[in-house]
């Protein structure tokens, strides 16, 4: 079974670079020289993160972050156990 999963992406400028992270996904973060590059890199990081979870038989996390409104979401298709 496949389901759509959305995660909040936070992009912040720090020391001249843009740091992108998914608060609900521990360790899933990246950066870029521009905002756009950080977002593109975040999409790639999220895909690899999910592929790794699936390959290891780990559960797909649910979105748990609260707070600021979502300004950008990245949706990936993820298998769920039957």
Protein backbone atom coordinates (compact mmCIF):
# COMPACT_ATOMS: atom_id res chain seq x y z
CA UNK A 1 0.00 0.00 0.00
CA UNK A 2 1.23 3.52 -0.83
CA UNK A 3 0.19 6.71 0.93
CA UNK A 4 1.08 10.37 0.54
CA UNK A 5 3.04 11.82 3.44
CA UNK A 6 3.76 15.54 3.89
CA UNK A 7 6.47 16.98 6.12
CA UNK A 8 7.12 20.56 7.15
CA UNK A 9 10.37 21.93 5.72
CA UNK A 10 12.13 24.76 7.53
CA UNK A 11 14.73 26.83 5.65
CA UNK A 12 16.76 29.37 7.61
CA UNK A 13 19.62 31.63 6.56
CA UNK A 14 22.67 31.14 8.79
CA UNK A 15 26.12 32.57 8.24
CA UNK A 16 25.56 33.19 4.53
CA UNK A 17 24.08 29.79 3.67
CA UNK A 18 20.57 28.35 3.83
CA UNK A 19 20.01 25.43 6.17
CA UNK A 20 17.02 23.20 5.41
CA UNK A 21 15.58 20.68 7.83
CA UNK A 22 12.51 18.57 8.45
CA UNK A 23 11.69 18.97 12.17
CA UNK A 24 9.79 15.67 12.31
CA UNK A 25 12.63 13.70 10.70
CA UNK A 26 15.61 13.46 13.03
CA UNK A 27 18.84 13.89 11.11
CA UNK A 28 17.22 14.84 7.80
CA UNK A 29 18.80 18.18 6.96
CA UNK A 30 20.94 19.81 4.31
CA UNK A 31 22.01 23.23 3.07
CA UNK A 32 22.55 25.35 -0.02
CA UNK A 33 24.17 28.58 -1.08
CA UNK A 34 20.74 29.90 -2.12
CA UNK A 35 17.22 29.31 -0.81
CA UNK A 36 16.32 27.45 -3.99
CA UNK A 37 19.40 25.22 -3.77
CA UNK A 38 18.58 24.40 -0.14
CA UNK A 39 15.02 23.41 -1.11
CA UNK A 40 16.25 21.25 -4.01
CA UNK A 41 18.81 19.60 -1.76
CA UNK A 42 16.10 19.03 0.87
CA UNK A 43 13.96 17.19 -1.68
CA UNK A 44 16.88 14.91 -2.47
CA UNK A 45 17.71 14.42 1.22
CA UNK A 46 14.09 13.51 1.96
CA UNK A 47 13.99 10.95 -0.84
CA UNK A 48 17.21 9.28 0.36
CA UNK A 49 16.00 9.41 3.98
CA UNK A 50 12.76 7.62 3.05
CA UNK A 51 14.52 5.08 0.83
CA UNK A 52 16.86 4.27 3.72
CA UNK A 53 13.97 3.80 6.15
CA UNK A 54 12.22 1.44 3.73
CA UNK A 55 15.43 -0.50 2.97
CA UNK A 56 16.02 -1.00 6.70
CA UNK A 57 12.40 -1.95 7.40
CA UNK A 58 11.94 1.07 9.66
CA UNK A 59 8.58 2.80 10.17
CA UNK A 60 7.76 5.93 8.18
CA UNK A 61 7.46 8.78 10.70
CA UNK A 62 4.36 10.94 10.91
CA UNK A 63 4.46 14.73 10.86
CA UNK A 64 4.73 15.86 14.47
CA UNK A 65 5.99 19.43 14.29
CA UNK A 66 3.74 22.26 15.36
CA UNK A 67 4.19 25.98 15.48
CA UNK A 68 4.61 28.28 12.53
CA UNK A 69 2.31 27.74 9.56
CA UNK A 70 3.69 25.49 6.85
CA UNK A 71 5.27 27.62 4.17
CA UNK A 72 6.53 24.77 2.03
CA UNK A 73 5.80 21.07 2.08
CA UNK A 74 7.53 18.28 0.23
CA UNK A 75 5.36 15.23 -0.47
CA UNK A 76 6.82 11.78 -1.01
CA UNK A 77 5.13 8.46 -1.69
CA UNK A 78 5.92 5.91 0.97
CA UNK A 79 4.88 2.28 1.40
CA UNK A 80 3.02 1.44 4.58
CA UNK A 81 2.77 -2.01 6.11
CA UNK A 82 -0.45 -3.89 5.41
